[in-house]
Amino acid sequence: MLYPIYVHKDADSAYGAIFPDFPGCFAAADDLQGLPRAAQEAAEAHFGADDDPIPAPTSPEAWAADPDYSGGFWMLVEIDLSKVRAKAVRLNISLNESLLQRIDLAAKARGQSRSAFLATAAEHEMTGAA
């Protein structure tokens, strides 16, 4: 999901980022190209140990009048929520036997477990990736 981060930089410092949607969550990187990765890592650390719900993203316009966000600029960063809450859940599903065999062959060819293959396929289908 795309989340807004407010980016600021003081002279002789790294780029700092604040997540308005995640109070208390901050990220930093030496260059702008590293900020999305740092933002993902910050979100994972921020939510990794608790069960609080992860807020839905807002837009930068929602924060435009807030004086805490002046003198910098906004970026939208992709936060992979599946990595933020990576707790595995066991489930029981039924599949056609021949389909299951094909899944297992495809997973083995990719060096994946059946679960990893099915999760990747589901993510692919839901994001509409080609």
Protein backbone atom coordinates (compact mmCIF):
# COMPACT_ATOMS: atom_id res chain seq x y z
CA MET A 1 0.00 0.00 0.00
CA LEU A 2 1.18 3.53 -0.70
CA TYR A 3 1.74 5.52 2.48
CA PRO A 4 2.76 9.16 2.71
CA ILE A 5 5.99 10.04 4.44
CA TYR A 6 7.11 13.53 5.26
CA VAL A 7 10.78 13.98 4.32
CA HIS A 8 13.14 16.53 5.78
CA LYS A 9 16.89 17.07 5.63
CA ASP A 10 19.09 19.27 7.75
CA ALA A 11 22.50 20.35 6.52
CA ASP A 12 25.10 17.61 6.97
CA SER A 13 22.50 15.00 7.93
CA ALA A 14 20.66 12.06 6.45
CA TYR A 15 17.16 12.33 5.01
CA GLY A 16 14.63 11.82 7.77
CA ALA A 17 11.09 10.58 7.24
CA ILE A 18 8.02 10.74 9.45
CA PHE A 19 4.95 8.53 8.96
CA PRO A 20 1.89 10.60 9.87
CA ASP A 21 -0.22 7.44 9.69
CA PHE A 22 2.13 5.57 12.08
CA PRO A 23 2.68 7.88 15.07
CA GLY A 24 6.14 7.37 16.50
CA CYS A 25 7.52 5.68 13.38
CA PHE A 26 10.56 7.28 11.74
CA ALA A 27 13.02 6.32 9.01
CA ALA A 28 16.31 7.72 7.75
CA ALA A 29 18.59 7.19 4.77
CA ASP A 30 21.71 8.83 3.38
CA ASP A 31 20.06 9.35 -0.01
CA LEU A 32 16.51 9.55 -1.37
CA GLN A 33 16.89 6.26 -3.24
CA GLY A 34 17.39 4.45 0.08
CA LEU A 35 14.37 6.00 1.77
CA PRO A 36 11.72 3.52 0.51
CA ARG A 37 13.74 0.55 1.83
CA ALA A 38 14.36 2.35 5.13
CA ALA A 39 10.63 3.15 5.36
CA GLN A 40 9.71 -0.53 4.88
CA GLU A 41 12.19 -1.57 7.58
CA ALA A 42 10.87 1.11 9.94
CA ALA A 43 7.26 -0.03 9.45
CA GLU A 44 8.24 -3.66 10.07
CA ALA A 45 10.05 -2.71 13.30
CA HIS A 46 7.23 -0.40 14.40
CA PHE A 47 4.44 -2.98 14.07
CA GLY A 48 6.43 -6.22 14.31
CA ALA A 49 5.92 -6.96 17.99
CA ASP A 50 2.38 -5.77 18.61
CA ASP A 51 -1.08 -6.66 17.42
CA ASP A 52 -2.43 -3.13 17.00
CA PRO A 53 -4.24 -2.68 13.69
CA ILE A 54 -2.21 -1.10 10.92
CA PRO A 55 -3.93 2.14 9.87
CA ALA A 56 -5.05 2.64 6.31
CA PRO A 57 -3.00 5.18 4.37
CA THR A 58 -4.08 8.78 4.17
CA SER A 59 -3.03 11.32 1.57
CA PRO A 60 -0.47 14.11 2.03
CA GLU A 61 -3.30 16.60 1.54
CA ALA A 62 -4.80 15.43 4.84
CA TRP A 63 -1.70 16.76 6.63
CA ALA A 64 -1.00 19.88 4.54
CA ALA A 65 -2.22 22.34 7.19
CA ASP A 66 -0.34 20.65 10.05
CA PRO A 67 2.55 22.88 11.17
CA ASP A 68 4.61 19.79 12.09
CA TYR A 69 5.01 19.15 8.36
CA SER A 70 6.60 22.32 7.01
CA GLY A 71 9.97 22.92 5.42
CA GLY A 72 10.23 19.50 3.80
CA PHE A 73 8.38 17.52 1.16
CA TRP A 74 6.10 14.51 0.79
CA MET A 75 6.80 11.14 -0.78
CA LEU A 76 4.55 8.15 -1.25
CA VAL A 77 6.27 4.88 -0.41
CA GLU A 78 5.08 1.33 -1.02
CA ILE A 79 4.81 -0.52 2.30
CA ASP A 80 4.44 -4.28 1.89
CA LEU A 81 2.05 -5.06 4.73
CA SER A 82 2.61 -8.80 4.29
CA LYS A 83 6.15 -8.21 5.57
CA VAL A 84 4.95 -5.99 8.39
CA ARG A 85 2.72 -8.71 9.79
CA ALA A 86 4.35 -11.86 8.53
CA LYS A 87 2.74 -14.19 11.06
CA ALA A 88 1.90 -17.43 9.28
CA VAL A 89 -1.57 -18.88 9.78
CA ARG A 90 -2.29 -22.55 9.19
CA LEU A 91 -5.30 -23.28 7.00
CA ASN A 92 -6.97 -26.29 5.49
CA ILE A 93 -8.02 -26.12 1.82
CA SER A 94 -9.17 -28.65 -0.74
CA LEU A 95 -7.77 -28.78 -4.27
CA ASN A 96 -8.12 -31.10 -7.21
CA GLU A 97 -5.38 -33.76 -6.94
CA SER A 98 -3.93 -33.10 -10.40
CA LEU A 99 -3.82 -29.35 -9.71
CA LEU A 100 -2.01 -30.02 -6.43
CA GLN A 101 0.56 -32.15 -8.24
CA ARG A 102 1.16 -29.38 -10.78
CA ILE A 103 1.49 -26.84 -7.97
CA ASP A 104 4.04 -29.03 -6.21
CA LEU A 105 6.06 -29.45 -9.43
CA ALA A 106 6.02 -25.71 -10.11
CA ALA A 107 6.97 -24.90 -6.52
CA LYS A 108 9.85 -27.40 -6.59
CA ALA A 109 11.11 -25.96 -9.89
CA ARG A 110 11.25 -22.52 -8.24
CA GLY A 111 12.82 -23.81 -5.03
CA GLN A 112 9.73 -22.89 -3.03
CA SER A 113 7.50 -24.67 -0.58
CA ARG A 114 3.90 -25.31 -1.58
CA SER A 115 2.79 -22.59 0.86
CA ALA A 116 5.26 -20.05 -0.53
CA PHE A 117 4.20 -20.85 -4.09
CA LEU A 118 0.49 -20.46 -3.27
CA ALA A 119 1.11 -17.20 -1.39
CA THR A 120 3.10 -15.81 -4.33
CA ALA A 121 0.39 -16.87 -6.78
CA ALA A 122 -2.32 -15.26 -4.64
CA GLU A 123 -0.37 -11.99 -4.34
CA HIS A 124 0.21 -12.01 -8.09
CA GLU A 125 -3.49 -12.53 -8.77
CA MET A 126 -4.62 -9.84 -6.33
CA THR A 127 -2.22 -7.19 -7.60
CA GLY A 128 -3.05 -7.94 -11.21
CA ALA A 129 0.62 -8.38 -12.06
CA ALA A 130 1.24 -9.62 -15.55
